[in-house]
Amino acid sequence: MEQSYRFGFHRFWSVLLVSVLVGLATVAGLILLIIPGIYIGIRLAVSIEALVVEGRKGTQAMARSWELVGGHWWHAFGTLVVAGLLTGLVNALITAPFGGTSWFVQAVVAAVATVVTLPYGVLVGVLLYLDLRARKESLTMEALRADLQASAA
C-alpha cells in the first residue's frame, strides 16, 4: 500500500497541472462556441490516463490523448456520454429522496453519491484509454506491462 501512495503522490502535481490545462482548453473552446469546447474536451479526455500509464508530463500527456482519440472521436464521445448519463442517473436516484432536507443532509448525500459513482467514471476513462490504444497500436499485455513498470520507476 505504501508503494501505491508513493506512486500517487509522486504524480500529484503533474495530474493537477494536466487537469487544469485540459479544463482551461475545454473552457476556451466553450467560450468560442459550444461545439469546439465539446470537441476539445473529448480529444483531451484520456490525458490523465496517458500521464499515469505512460509517464508523460504536462502537454505531452495532452498531445498523447489528442493523438489517441483522433480518428475515434465519435467512439470516445459516445462512450463518455453514456457513462455521464449513467452516472447522472445514479446520482439523481441517490440524491432525489433528500431534496427537501437541510443543506447539510443534501451535501452529505451528494458526497455519498460521488463516492459511489466516481470509481465508475474513472474506470470508464481507463478502459477508454486502453481501448483507444488497442485500436491504434495493437496494444499487448506485454507492452502495457512495460509502460506501467517504466511509469512506476
Protein backbone atom coordinates (compact mmCIF):
# COMPACT_ATOMS: atom_id res chain seq x y z
CA MET A 1 0.00 0.00 0.00
CA GLU A 2 2.85 2.36 0.77
CA GLN A 3 4.14 1.90 -2.78
CA SER A 4 0.71 2.91 -4.14
CA TYR A 5 0.72 6.09 -2.06
CA ARG A 6 4.23 6.96 -3.23
CA PHE A 7 3.17 6.35 -6.84
CA GLY A 8 0.14 8.63 -6.43
CA PHE A 9 1.85 11.42 -4.50
CA HIS A 10 4.78 11.45 -6.93
CA ARG A 11 2.35 12.29 -9.75
CA PHE A 12 0.03 14.61 -7.85
CA TRP A 13 1.34 17.92 -9.24
CA SER A 14 1.51 16.53 -12.79
CA VAL A 15 -2.08 15.28 -12.57
CA LEU A 16 -3.20 18.63 -11.17
CA LEU A 17 -1.37 20.55 -13.92
CA VAL A 18 -2.82 18.41 -16.72
CA SER A 19 -6.30 18.63 -15.19
CA VAL A 20 -6.08 22.44 -15.08
CA LEU A 21 -4.70 22.65 -18.64
CA VAL A 22 -7.42 20.34 -20.01
CA GLY A 23 -10.07 22.35 -18.15
CA LEU A 24 -8.74 25.65 -19.50
CA ALA A 25 -8.56 24.32 -23.06
CA THR A 26 -12.11 23.00 -22.83
CA VAL A 27 -13.46 26.23 -21.33
CA ALA A 28 -11.67 28.26 -24.01
CA GLY A 29 -13.40 26.14 -26.64
CA LEU A 30 -16.75 26.55 -24.90
CA ILE A 31 -16.32 30.32 -24.82
CA LEU A 32 -15.70 30.39 -28.58
CA LEU A 33 -18.72 28.23 -29.26
CA ILE A 34 -20.20 25.17 -27.60
CA ILE A 35 -19.08 22.69 -30.30
CA PRO A 36 -15.32 23.46 -30.18
CA GLY A 37 -15.36 23.06 -26.39
CA ILE A 38 -17.01 19.66 -26.62
CA TYR A 39 -14.61 18.62 -29.38
CA ILE A 40 -11.55 19.72 -27.40
CA GLY A 41 -12.82 18.12 -24.18
CA ILE A 42 -13.31 14.75 -25.88
CA ARG A 43 -9.93 14.89 -27.65
CA LEU A 44 -8.24 15.53 -24.28
CA ALA A 45 -10.37 13.05 -22.30
CA VAL A 46 -7.63 10.46 -21.71
CA SER A 47 -4.83 12.90 -20.83
CA ILE A 48 -4.64 11.81 -17.18
CA GLU A 49 -4.55 8.15 -18.18
CA ALA A 50 -1.67 8.87 -20.60
CA LEU A 51 0.14 10.69 -17.80
CA VAL A 52 -0.24 7.88 -15.28
CA VAL A 53 0.21 4.83 -17.54
CA GLU A 54 2.85 6.16 -19.91
CA GLY A 55 4.56 8.61 -17.57
CA ARG A 56 4.06 11.55 -19.94
CA LYS A 57 4.14 15.02 -18.41
CA GLY A 58 2.01 18.13 -18.96
CA THR A 59 1.33 18.93 -22.56
CA GLN A 60 2.89 15.62 -23.68
CA ALA A 61 0.03 13.78 -21.96
CA MET A 62 -2.47 16.10 -23.62
CA ALA A 63 -0.85 15.57 -27.03
CA ARG A 64 -0.97 11.81 -26.46
CA SER A 65 -4.69 11.98 -25.68
CA TRP A 66 -5.26 14.12 -28.76
CA GLU A 67 -3.41 11.52 -30.85
CA LEU A 68 -5.26 8.53 -29.37
CA VAL A 69 -8.75 10.00 -29.76
CA GLY A 70 -8.01 11.16 -33.33
CA GLY A 71 -9.98 9.02 -35.76
CA HIS A 72 -12.10 7.64 -32.91
CA TRP A 73 -13.75 10.86 -31.73
CA TRP A 74 -17.32 9.61 -32.12
CA HIS A 75 -16.50 6.39 -30.29
CA ALA A 76 -14.95 8.34 -27.38
CA PHE A 77 -17.82 10.84 -27.40
CA GLY A 78 -20.46 8.08 -27.27
CA THR A 79 -18.64 6.24 -24.51
CA LEU A 80 -18.33 9.36 -22.38
CA VAL A 81 -21.92 10.49 -23.00
CA VAL A 82 -23.34 7.08 -21.99
CA ALA A 83 -21.09 6.98 -18.92
CA GLY A 84 -22.13 10.52 -17.99
CA LEU A 85 -25.82 9.70 -18.38
CA LEU A 86 -25.48 6.59 -16.21
CA THR A 87 -23.54 8.49 -13.57
CA GLY A 88 -26.10 11.29 -13.59
CA LEU A 89 -28.96 8.82 -13.27
CA VAL A 90 -27.38 7.04 -10.31
CA ASN A 91 -26.57 10.39 -8.66
CA ALA A 92 -30.18 11.52 -9.16
CA LEU A 93 -31.58 8.27 -7.74
CA ILE A 94 -29.40 8.60 -4.65
CA THR A 95 -29.95 12.32 -4.01
CA ALA A 96 -33.60 12.80 -5.08
CA PRO A 97 -35.20 11.43 -1.89
CA PHE A 98 -33.31 14.04 0.14
CA GLY A 99 -34.31 17.10 -1.93
CA GLY A 100 -36.45 18.72 0.77
CA THR A 101 -33.99 18.28 3.62
CA SER A 102 -31.40 20.66 5.05
CA TRP A 103 -28.37 21.72 3.04
CA PHE A 104 -26.14 19.65 5.33
CA VAL A 105 -28.04 16.44 4.65
CA GLN A 106 -28.08 17.21 0.92
CA ALA A 107 -24.31 17.80 0.98
CA VAL A 108 -23.67 14.51 2.80
CA VAL A 109 -25.91 12.58 0.38
CA ALA A 110 -24.22 14.26 -2.61
CA ALA A 111 -20.84 13.23 -1.20
CA VAL A 112 -22.07 9.64 -0.82
CA ALA A 113 -23.38 9.69 -4.40
CA THR A 114 -19.98 10.90 -5.59
CA VAL A 115 -18.20 8.14 -3.65
CA VAL A 116 -20.49 5.61 -5.31
CA THR A 117 -20.18 6.93 -8.89
CA LEU A 118 -16.61 8.28 -9.09
CA PRO A 119 -14.90 4.87 -9.36
CA TYR A 120 -17.17 4.03 -12.30
CA GLY A 121 -16.21 7.26 -14.08
CA VAL A 122 -12.51 6.61 -13.55
CA LEU A 123 -12.90 3.02 -14.75
CA VAL A 124 -14.63 4.22 -17.93
CA GLY A 125 -11.73 6.61 -18.56
CA VAL A 126 -9.12 3.89 -18.09
CA LEU A 127 -10.99 1.41 -20.26
CA LEU A 128 -11.49 4.04 -22.96
CA TYR A 129 -7.76 4.79 -22.88
CA LEU A 130 -6.88 1.09 -23.18
CA ASP A 131 -9.45 0.62 -25.95
CA LEU A 132 -8.05 3.55 -27.92
CA ARG A 133 -4.51 2.23 -27.55
CA ALA A 134 -5.63 -1.22 -28.68
CA ARG A 135 -7.36 0.28 -31.74
CA LYS A 136 -4.39 2.49 -32.67
CA GLU A 137 -1.39 0.38 -31.68
CA SER A 138 -2.49 -3.25 -31.32
CA LEU A 139 -1.72 -2.95 -27.61
CA THR A 140 -0.48 -6.15 -25.97
CA MET A 141 -0.30 -7.07 -22.31
CA GLU A 142 3.50 -7.06 -22.55
CA ALA A 143 3.57 -3.50 -23.91
CA LEU A 144 1.13 -2.34 -21.24
CA ARG A 145 3.16 -4.05 -18.50
CA ALA A 146 6.33 -2.36 -19.80
CA ASP A 147 4.64 1.06 -19.82
CA LEU A 148 3.38 0.58 -16.26
CA GLN A 149 6.77 -0.60 -14.99
CA ALA A 150 8.51 2.34 -16.67
CA SER A 151 5.96 4.75 -15.21
CA ALA A 152 6.38 3.30 -11.72
CA ALA A 153 10.16 3.73 -11.80
